[in-house]
Amino acid sequence: MATFLLAALFAITMCLESIAYAFYEIKVNKNKSSGIVLIILSLIGLVFPIVIYLSGD
């Protein structure tokens, strides 16, 4: 259980940091395409480890 909580916490933290950088790309650098792709990839990176961990039980 502790391993799952650490993995979930790490995934959430990395997702939030990636989304924050994606908004920076969209607003400051005016790069919408890479910002949107980065948001999609960070959401996949949030969901994928949690699903894989839970399906292993």
C-alpha atoms as a PDB file:
ATOM      1  CA  MET A   1       0.000   0.000   0.000  1.00  0.00           C
ATOM      2  CA  ALA A   2       2.828   2.399   0.815  1.00  0.00           C
ATOM      3  CA  THR A   3       4.410   1.727  -2.570  1.00  0.00           C
ATOM      4  CA  PHE A   4       1.153   2.563  -4.313  1.00  0.00           C
ATOM      5  CA  LEU A   5       0.795   5.821  -2.395  1.00  0.00           C
ATOM      6  CA  LEU A   6       4.356   6.842  -3.252  1.00  0.00           C
ATOM      7  CA  ALA A   7       3.877   5.964  -6.928  1.00  0.00           C
ATOM      8  CA  ALA A   8       0.564   7.822  -7.080  1.00  0.00           C
ATOM      9  CA  LEU A   9       2.026  10.865  -5.327  1.00  0.00           C
ATOM     10  CA  PHE A  10       4.977  10.919  -7.714  1.00  0.00           C
ATOM     11  CA  ALA A  11       2.685  10.560 -10.751  1.00  0.00           C
ATOM     12  CA  ILE A  12       0.413  13.382  -9.565  1.00  0.00           C
ATOM     13  CA  THR A  13       3.375  15.665  -8.854  1.00  0.00           C
ATOM     14  CA  MET A  14       4.937  15.054 -12.266  1.00  0.00           C
ATOM     15  CA  CYS A  15       1.571  15.545 -13.971  1.00  0.00           C
ATOM     16  CA  LEU A  16       1.039  18.903 -12.273  1.00  0.00           C
ATOM     17  CA  GLU A  17       4.547  20.084 -13.153  1.00  0.00           C
ATOM     18  CA  SER A  18       4.131  19.024 -16.774  1.00  0.00           C
ATOM     19  CA  ILE A  19       0.749  20.727 -17.072  1.00  0.00           C
ATOM     20  CA  ALA A  20       2.192  23.912 -15.568  1.00  0.00           C
ATOM     21  CA  TYR A  21       4.957  23.865 -18.183  1.00  0.00           C
ATOM     22  CA  ALA A  22       2.384  23.183 -20.907  1.00  0.00           C
ATOM     23  CA  PHE A  23       0.466  26.311 -19.894  1.00  0.00           C
ATOM     24  CA  TYR A  24       3.750  28.230 -20.002  1.00  0.00           C
ATOM     25  CA  GLU A  25       4.339  26.959 -23.537  1.00  0.00           C
ATOM     26  CA  ILE A  26       0.830  27.968 -24.582  1.00  0.00           C
ATOM     27  CA  LYS A  27       0.751  31.430 -22.986  1.00  0.00           C
ATOM     28  CA  VAL A  28       4.338  32.715 -23.076  1.00  0.00           C
ATOM     29  CA  ASN A  29       5.846  30.962 -26.082  1.00  0.00           C
ATOM     30  CA  LYS A  30       2.566  30.958 -28.074  1.00  0.00           C
ATOM     31  CA  ASN A  31       3.119  27.288 -28.900  1.00  0.00           C
ATOM     32  CA  LYS A  32      -0.339  25.732 -28.668  1.00  0.00           C
ATOM     33  CA  SER A  33       0.403  22.470 -30.425  1.00  0.00           C
ATOM     34  CA  SER A  34       3.229  21.401 -28.143  1.00  0.00           C
ATOM     35  CA  GLY A  35       1.314  22.602 -25.075  1.00  0.00           C
ATOM     36  CA  ILE A  36      -1.681  20.470 -25.958  1.00  0.00           C
ATOM     37  CA  VAL A  37       0.494  17.440 -26.724  1.00  0.00           C
ATOM     38  CA  LEU A  38       2.304  17.898 -23.419  1.00  0.00           C
ATOM     39  CA  ILE A  39      -0.991  18.038 -21.517  1.00  0.00           C
ATOM     40  CA  ILE A  40      -2.183  14.843 -23.203  1.00  0.00           C
ATOM     41  CA  LEU A  41       1.093  13.048 -22.497  1.00  0.00           C
ATOM     42  CA  SER A  42       1.121  14.156 -18.867  1.00  0.00           C
ATOM     43  CA  LEU A  43      -2.416  12.852 -18.354  1.00  0.00           C
ATOM     44  CA  ILE A  44      -1.413   9.534 -19.911  1.00  0.00           C
ATOM     45  CA  GLY A  45       1.609   9.512 -17.619  1.00  0.00           C
ATOM     46  CA  LEU A  46      -0.704  10.056 -14.660  1.00  0.00           C
ATOM     47  CA  VAL A  47      -3.197   7.337 -15.495  1.00  0.00           C
ATOM     48  CA  PHE A  48      -0.903   4.640 -16.949  1.00  0.00           C
ATOM     49  CA  PRO A  49       1.254   3.846 -13.858  1.00  0.00           C
ATOM     50  CA  ILE A  50      -1.769   3.759 -11.568  1.00  0.00           C
ATOM     51  CA  VAL A  51      -3.708   1.422 -13.872  1.00  0.00           C
ATOM     52  CA  ILE A  52      -0.706  -0.869 -14.341  1.00  0.00           C
ATOM     53  CA  TYR A  53      -0.069  -0.992 -10.587  1.00  0.00           C
ATOM     54  CA  LEU A  54      -3.691  -1.795  -9.791  1.00  0.00           C
ATOM     55  CA  SER A  55      -4.011  -4.429 -12.511  1.00  0.00           C
ATOM     56  CA  GLY A  56      -1.032  -6.336 -11.112  1.00  0.00           C
ATOM     57  CA  ASP A  57      -2.972  -7.463  -8.017  1.00  0.00           C
END
